[in-house]
Protein backbone atom coordinates (compact mmCIF):
# COMPACT_ATOMS: atom_id res chain seq x y z
CA MET A 1 -11.90 -3.42 -30.71
CA LYS A 2 -8.61 -2.49 -33.17
CA LEU A 3 -6.26 0.77 -31.99
CA THR A 4 -3.45 2.54 -32.92
CA LEU A 5 -0.94 2.62 -30.61
CA SER A 6 -1.04 6.53 -30.53
CA ASP A 7 -5.34 6.17 -30.38
CA ALA A 8 -4.17 4.07 -27.17
CA HIS A 9 -2.12 6.57 -25.70
CA ALA A 10 -4.26 9.13 -26.18
CA LEU A 11 -7.16 6.81 -24.44
CA VAL A 12 -4.89 6.36 -21.55
CA CYS A 13 -3.78 9.68 -21.17
CA ASP A 14 -6.97 11.61 -21.16
CA THR A 15 -8.16 9.10 -18.63
CA LEU A 16 -5.72 9.89 -16.11
CA LEU A 17 -5.86 12.97 -16.53
CA ARG A 18 -9.69 12.90 -15.48
CA CYS A 19 -8.10 11.30 -12.91
CA LYS A 20 -5.95 13.46 -10.49
CA VAL A 21 -2.77 13.00 -12.83
CA ASP A 22 -1.20 15.65 -14.90
CA PRO A 23 -0.48 15.46 -18.02
CA ASP A 24 3.51 14.65 -17.93
CA ASN A 25 2.88 11.70 -15.49
CA ALA A 26 -0.28 10.49 -17.61
CA ARG A 27 2.04 10.44 -20.77
CA SER A 28 5.12 8.16 -18.85
CA VAL A 29 2.30 5.99 -17.35
CA ALA A 30 0.24 5.56 -20.74
CA THR A 31 3.75 4.90 -22.42
CA ALA A 32 4.24 1.84 -20.11
CA LEU A 33 1.19 0.37 -20.21
CA ILE A 34 0.80 0.68 -24.06
CA THR A 35 4.22 -1.17 -24.78
CA ALA A 36 3.40 -3.88 -22.05
CA GLU A 37 -0.04 -4.33 -24.33
CA ALA A 38 1.99 -4.13 -27.58
CA ALA A 39 4.05 -7.08 -26.09
CA GLY A 40 1.66 -8.98 -25.50
CA GLN A 41 1.50 -8.49 -21.81
CA GLY A 42 -2.10 -7.86 -21.15
CA GLY A 43 -1.84 -7.97 -17.41
CA HIS A 44 0.53 -4.82 -17.15
CA GLY A 45 -1.18 -2.79 -19.96
CA LEU A 46 -4.37 -1.79 -20.04
CA ARG A 47 -5.65 -3.79 -17.65
CA ARG A 48 -4.15 -1.34 -15.27
CA VAL A 49 -5.76 1.08 -16.58
CA PRO A 50 -9.00 1.57 -13.76
CA ALA A 51 -7.16 0.72 -10.82
CA TYR A 52 -4.52 3.27 -11.46
CA ALA A 53 -7.12 5.45 -12.36
CA ALA A 54 -8.98 4.81 -8.83
CA GLN A 55 -5.72 5.24 -6.98
CA ALA A 56 -5.00 8.04 -8.38
CA ARG A 57 -8.64 9.48 -7.42
CA ALA A 58 -8.15 8.21 -3.84
CA GLY A 59 -4.79 9.38 -3.57
CA LYS A 60 -3.22 5.99 -2.76
CA VAL A 61 -0.77 7.09 -5.60
CA ASP A 62 0.15 10.64 -6.08
CA GLY A 63 -0.95 11.74 -9.75
CA PHE A 64 1.05 15.53 -9.77
CA ALA A 65 3.99 13.98 -7.67
CA LYS A 66 7.33 14.09 -9.24
CA PRO A 67 10.54 12.46 -8.01
CA VAL A 68 13.84 13.75 -6.62
CA ALA A 69 16.82 12.13 -7.24
CA ASP A 70 20.16 12.90 -5.50
CA GLN A 71 23.95 11.49 -5.75
CA PRO A 72 24.76 10.33 -2.48
CA PHE A 73 27.85 8.60 -3.81
CA PRO A 74 29.70 8.95 -7.61
CA ALA A 75 28.00 5.35 -8.54
CA VAL A 76 24.61 5.80 -6.34
CA LEU A 77 21.59 7.33 -7.59
CA ARG A 78 19.07 7.91 -5.08
CA ILE A 79 15.88 8.72 -6.23
CA ASP A 80 12.65 9.34 -4.54
CA ALA A 81 9.49 8.82 -6.31
CA GLN A 82 7.16 10.82 -4.23
CA LEU A 83 4.07 8.15 -3.78
CA GLY A 84 4.21 8.45 -7.02
CA PHE A 85 4.01 6.17 -10.35
CA ALA A 86 6.90 4.21 -10.49
CA TYR A 87 7.61 5.06 -14.34
CA PRO A 88 7.99 9.14 -13.89
CA ALA A 89 10.61 7.72 -11.32
CA LEU A 90 11.97 5.04 -13.95
CA ASP A 91 12.08 8.01 -16.85
CA LEU A 92 14.33 9.71 -14.08
CA MET A 93 16.90 7.10 -13.63
CA ILE A 94 17.11 6.69 -17.24
CA GLU A 95 17.87 10.07 -17.42
CA ARG A 96 20.90 10.07 -15.27
CA LEU A 97 22.10 6.65 -14.89
CA PRO A 98 23.73 5.93 -18.31
CA ASP A 99 25.85 8.80 -17.96
CA ILE A 100 26.82 7.57 -14.18
CA ALA A 101 27.77 3.92 -15.08
CA ARG A 102 29.88 5.09 -17.94
CA ALA A 103 31.87 7.69 -15.72
CA GLN A 104 32.43 4.76 -13.23
CA GLY A 105 32.02 1.33 -14.75
CA ILE A 106 29.09 0.53 -12.31
CA ALA A 107 25.94 2.20 -11.17
CA VAL A 108 22.95 1.28 -9.09
CA ALA A 109 19.71 3.50 -8.74
CA ALA A 110 17.75 2.64 -5.18
CA ILE A 111 14.00 3.75 -6.00
CA HIS A 112 12.07 3.97 -2.86
CA LYS A 113 8.14 5.48 -2.22
CA SER A 114 7.38 3.88 -5.32
CA HIS A 115 4.44 2.09 -7.09
CA HIS A 116 3.75 -0.75 -9.57
CA ALA A 117 7.13 -1.20 -11.74
CA GLY A 118 5.58 -2.88 -14.55
CA VAL A 119 7.51 -5.33 -17.59
CA MET A 120 11.05 -4.66 -16.20
CA GLY A 121 12.07 -5.88 -19.11
CA PHE A 122 11.59 -2.68 -20.67
CA THR A 123 12.94 -0.70 -18.24
CA VAL A 124 16.55 -2.70 -18.62
CA GLU A 125 15.64 -3.03 -22.30
CA ARG A 126 16.15 1.17 -22.14
CA LEU A 127 19.56 0.71 -20.45
CA ALA A 128 21.14 -1.75 -22.87
CA GLU A 129 20.07 0.45 -26.39
CA ALA A 130 22.20 3.16 -24.14
CA GLY A 131 25.29 0.38 -24.51
CA LEU A 132 24.69 -1.04 -20.49
CA ALA A 133 24.06 -4.48 -19.22
CA ALA A 134 21.58 -4.10 -16.54
CA MET A 135 19.26 -5.54 -13.45
CA MET A 136 16.50 -4.84 -12.09
CA PHE A 137 14.89 -5.51 -9.46
CA ALA A 138 11.72 -5.12 -7.67
CA ASN A 139 9.63 -6.02 -4.83
CA ALA A 140 5.50 -6.04 -4.50
CA PRO A 141 2.50 -6.35 -1.86
CA ALA A 142 3.05 -9.89 -0.08
CA ALA A 143 1.40 -12.50 -2.40
CA MET A 144 3.76 -15.31 -1.79
CA ALA A 145 5.04 -16.76 1.42
CA PRO A 146 8.28 -18.50 2.76
CA TRP A 147 8.88 -21.80 1.90
CA GLY A 148 7.18 -23.58 4.47
CA GLY A 149 4.66 -20.99 5.33
CA ARG A 150 1.60 -20.07 4.71
CA ARG A 151 2.03 -16.01 5.22
CA PRO A 152 1.99 -13.48 2.69
CA MET A 153 5.64 -12.31 3.25
CA PHE A 154 7.08 -11.31 -0.12
CA GLY A 155 5.35 -10.14 -3.43
CA THR A 156 5.62 -11.87 -6.96
CA ASN A 157 9.43 -9.95 -7.21
CA PRO A 158 10.92 -10.05 -10.01
CA ILE A 159 13.96 -9.32 -11.71
CA ALA A 160 15.27 -8.33 -15.00
CA PHE A 161 18.18 -8.63 -17.15
CA ALA A 162 19.42 -6.79 -20.45
CA THR A 163 22.31 -6.33 -22.04
CA PRO A 164 23.38 -5.32 -25.59
CA ILE A 165 25.35 -7.81 -28.05
CA GLY A 166 26.15 -5.40 -31.65
CA ASP A 167 23.97 -5.01 -33.84
CA GLY A 168 19.98 -5.75 -33.15
CA ASP A 169 17.75 -6.27 -30.16
CA PRO A 170 19.55 -6.32 -26.85
CA ILE A 171 19.03 -9.89 -25.05
CA VAL A 172 16.29 -9.29 -21.98
CA ILE A 173 15.42 -11.88 -19.31
CA ASP A 174 12.07 -10.78 -17.54
CA LEU A 175 10.84 -13.47 -14.86
CA ALA A 176 8.22 -12.98 -12.13
CA LEU A 177 9.46 -15.61 -8.82
CA SER A 178 6.08 -16.92 -8.49
CA LYS A 179 5.49 -19.76 -11.52
CA VAL A 180 3.20 -16.85 -13.08
CA ALA A 181 2.61 -13.14 -12.91
CA ARG A 182 0.47 -12.02 -10.60
CA GLY A 183 -1.24 -10.08 -13.67
CA LYS A 184 -2.45 -13.40 -14.90
CA ILE A 185 -4.38 -13.98 -12.15
CA MET A 186 -5.96 -10.57 -12.08
CA ALA A 187 -6.69 -11.05 -15.62
CA ALA A 188 -8.46 -14.30 -15.11
CA LYS A 189 -10.63 -12.91 -12.36
CA GLN A 190 -11.53 -10.36 -14.81
CA LYS A 191 -12.48 -12.32 -17.49
CA GLY A 192 -14.18 -14.86 -15.02
CA VAL A 193 -12.08 -17.79 -16.03
CA PRO A 194 -10.24 -20.25 -14.09
CA ILE A 195 -6.41 -20.99 -13.81
CA PRO A 196 -4.24 -23.68 -13.80
CA ASP A 197 -4.37 -25.37 -10.34
CA ASP A 198 -0.63 -25.21 -9.96
CA TRP A 199 -0.49 -21.06 -10.16
CA ALA A 200 -1.82 -19.96 -6.87
CA LEU A 201 -2.93 -21.90 -3.13
CA ASP A 202 -6.07 -20.43 -1.61
CA ALA A 203 -5.68 -18.89 1.67
CA ASP A 204 -5.79 -22.39 3.43
CA GLY A 205 -2.97 -23.77 1.50
CA ASN A 206 -3.84 -26.06 -1.21
CA PRO A 207 -3.99 -25.92 -4.45
CA THR A 208 -6.71 -23.61 -6.69
CA THR A 209 -8.38 -23.35 -10.03
CA ASP A 210 -10.65 -19.98 -8.22
CA ALA A 211 -8.86 -16.84 -9.39
CA VAL A 212 -11.09 -14.82 -6.61
CA LYS A 213 -9.42 -17.30 -4.27
CA ALA A 214 -6.03 -17.25 -5.56
CA LEU A 215 -6.08 -13.56 -5.00
CA GLU A 216 -7.03 -14.02 -1.79
CA GLY A 217 -4.25 -16.52 -0.78
CA THR A 218 -0.80 -16.89 -2.05
CA MET A 219 1.23 -17.45 -5.21
CA VAL A 220 3.39 -20.62 -6.08
CA PRO A 221 7.04 -20.04 -5.87
CA ALA A 222 9.04 -20.50 -9.41
CA GLY A 223 11.19 -23.52 -8.70
CA GLY A 224 9.98 -23.97 -5.42
CA VAL A 225 11.69 -23.28 -2.57
CA LYS A 226 14.77 -21.69 -5.02
CA GLY A 227 12.13 -19.20 -5.70
CA ALA A 228 10.96 -18.31 -2.44
CA ALA A 229 14.68 -17.58 -2.02
CA LEU A 230 15.34 -15.74 -4.53
CA ALA A 231 11.72 -14.10 -3.66
CA MET A 232 14.05 -13.17 0.07
CA MET A 233 17.06 -11.92 -1.74
CA VAL A 234 14.86 -9.43 -4.24
CA GLU A 235 12.87 -8.33 -1.45
CA MET A 236 16.42 -7.70 0.71
CA LEU A 237 17.57 -5.56 -2.81
CA ALA A 238 14.68 -4.12 -3.87
CA ALA A 239 13.35 -3.00 -0.10
CA GLY A 240 15.60 -3.50 2.55
CA LEU A 241 18.58 -2.07 0.77
CA THR A 242 16.25 1.03 -0.58
CA GLY A 243 14.62 2.03 2.58
CA ALA A 244 10.95 1.25 0.48
CA GLN A 245 8.19 -0.71 2.65
CA PHE A 246 8.37 -4.52 2.63
CA GLY A 247 5.99 -6.36 0.84
CA HIS A 248 4.09 -7.27 3.37
CA GLN A 249 3.60 -3.97 4.90
CA SER A 250 2.71 -2.64 1.31
CA SER A 251 -1.29 -2.25 -0.18
CA SER A 252 -2.83 -3.94 -3.12
CA LEU A 253 -1.86 -2.82 -6.17
CA PHE A 254 -5.43 -3.96 -7.86
CA ASP A 255 -7.93 -1.40 -6.04
CA ASP A 256 -7.92 2.25 -4.41
CA LYS A 257 -7.73 0.52 -0.37
CA GLY A 258 -5.46 1.64 2.41
CA ALA A 259 -2.31 4.14 2.08
CA PRO A 260 0.06 3.93 -0.58
CA PRO A 261 2.30 0.51 -1.24
CA ALA A 262 5.35 2.80 -0.88
CA LEU A 263 7.92 -0.32 -2.82
CA GLY A 264 11.26 0.05 -4.25
CA GLN A 265 12.90 -1.03 -7.01
CA MET A 266 16.98 -1.08 -7.36
CA VAL A 267 18.68 -0.90 -11.00
CA ILE A 268 22.24 -1.89 -11.59
CA ALA A 269 23.77 -0.44 -14.74
CA ILE A 270 27.09 -1.73 -15.84
CA ASP A 271 29.55 -0.33 -18.99
CA PRO A 272 30.51 -3.55 -20.71
CA VAL A 273 33.85 -2.34 -21.89
CA ALA A 274 34.55 -0.94 -18.59
CA VAL A 275 34.77 -4.35 -17.10
CA GLY A 276 35.65 -6.31 -20.26
CA GLY A 277 37.72 -4.22 -22.20
CA ALA A 278 37.13 -3.64 -25.79
CA GLY A 279 35.70 -5.98 -28.13
CA ILE A 280 33.14 -7.56 -25.25
CA ILE A 281 30.78 -7.25 -26.93
CA ASP A 282 31.49 -8.76 -30.11
CA HIS A 283 31.92 -11.72 -27.34
CA LEU A 284 28.32 -11.19 -26.37
CA ARG A 285 26.97 -11.64 -29.79
CA TYR A 286 29.49 -14.66 -30.01
CA ILE A 287 27.48 -16.53 -27.27
CA ALA A 288 23.92 -15.09 -28.37
CA ASP A 289 24.64 -16.40 -31.85
CA GLU A 290 25.79 -19.97 -30.73
CA ILE A 291 22.60 -20.15 -28.48
CA ALA A 292 19.99 -19.03 -31.21
CA LEU A 293 22.03 -21.48 -33.60
CA GLU A 294 19.20 -24.24 -32.88
CA GLU A 295 15.94 -23.60 -34.80
CA THR A 296 14.08 -24.62 -31.94
CA VAL A 297 15.42 -22.16 -30.12
CA ARG A 298 14.39 -18.17 -29.65
CA LEU A 299 16.31 -15.65 -27.64
CA PRO A 300 14.68 -14.54 -24.76
CA GLY A 301 13.23 -10.32 -25.15
CA ARG A 302 12.76 -11.48 -28.88
CA ARG A 303 8.66 -12.47 -29.22
CA GLY A 304 8.15 -9.15 -27.29
CA GLN A 305 10.12 -6.92 -29.57
CA ASN A 306 8.83 -8.37 -32.60
CA ALA A 307 5.15 -7.98 -31.32
CA ARG A 308 5.81 -4.40 -30.58
CA ARG A 309 7.40 -3.82 -33.75
CA ASP A 310 3.90 -5.64 -35.06
CA ALA A 311 1.95 -4.06 -33.39
CA GLU A 312 3.39 -0.56 -34.37
CA ILE A 313 1.93 -1.48 -38.45
CA GLN A 314 -0.97 -3.48 -37.63
CA GLY A 315 -2.10 -1.45 -33.90
CA LEU A 316 -3.85 -3.46 -31.01
CA ASP A 317 -6.29 -5.97 -30.68
CA ILE A 318 -8.05 -4.34 -26.96
CA GLU A 319 -10.70 -7.18 -25.79
CA ASP A 320 -14.25 -5.01 -25.82
CA ASP A 321 -14.55 -5.75 -21.27
CA VAL A 322 -11.20 -3.90 -21.05
CA ILE A 323 -12.54 -0.94 -23.32
CA ALA A 324 -15.45 -0.41 -21.29
CA ALA A 325 -14.10 -0.75 -18.09
CA ILE A 326 -11.56 2.60 -19.28
CA GLU A 327 -14.61 4.25 -20.91
CA ALA A 328 -16.54 3.90 -17.98
CA ILE A 329 -14.45 6.25 -16.03
CA LYS A 330 -15.51 9.01 -15.91
C-alpha cells in the first residue's frame, strides 16, 4: 500500500491513542517510526507498531509517562524516561543538551528507565544539524553471548556517531554490534522467510536459518571477539553508568510479557569549535570530500538521507501484512 508520510504518521498515532498512549507521546513515537520506514529501516519502522501497542496496553511501557530531567553537574544531563517510550526522552535530550554542550564544550546525557531507542542515527543526526558532533550508545535485551559463551548477556547494543561537515548532510554512522540488527530477524519471522546462516545461533549454539530459532538463541557478533568486546563496552556505558537495567535483566522488546525493559542510553555531544577551534568544520569537510572522491564510495548516512527525501515526495510503500497487522489493533 502506498501512503504519504502524513497519512502513515496519522495511522500510527491513531493506533497508539487507542492503546493507552497520550497524544504527545504518540506523535513522538510515530515520528521516529515513520522516519525509520522512510529511510528503509523497516525493522525499526511500522513493523514495531503491534508490539509497541500491545506493550502500552499491558503497561509494559507507560504510554502516559513524561520524562524528567535534572542537571547535577554543569555538563551532565540525567533523564528518567519513567518507564515510558524512549523517543519522548530523546526529544527532551535534543531540547536541552545542545545548549549545555555549547556552554561547556562537551556534554553527556544519561537516560535510564527507558525503552527501544530505534534508529539512533536519527538522534545523533539531529545533534549534528545543531552543529555538534555526537555519539550515542544504547543497551538492549540480551541477545548476544560473551565471546566463548552461550548465555545471552548483551543486546545488539548499537552505537551511532554523527558530525556536521558544513554545507550538506552530516556524516552519520549507525550500527548494531551484532552482525545484523535483531529487527531484521524479527521481520524475517513476521514474513515467514529464512535468514542467512551466519546471522544467528540457535539455543544450542549452532548456526540457523530459522528466524524463530534465531530469536530463541543468540546473535552472532560483528567482527567476532572484537564485536563481543564492544558490546560489553556499550553495556557498561549505556546501562552501567546510567543506572539502567542490564540486557540480561530486561524483558523482550518484541512482546507484551514481563516487566518494563528499563533500558539505558548515553549520548555525548561535542562542540567542534570548542575542541578544534575556528575552521574545524572546514577541516571535517576536507576529509569527507577526500573520502568521497572515489565514485564507488558512499559516505555513511547518505542512503538513508536520500531515501527520506524521496519518501517526502513519493510516499511510502508499506507491505500489506504490515498494514493488516496495524489495522487489526482495535
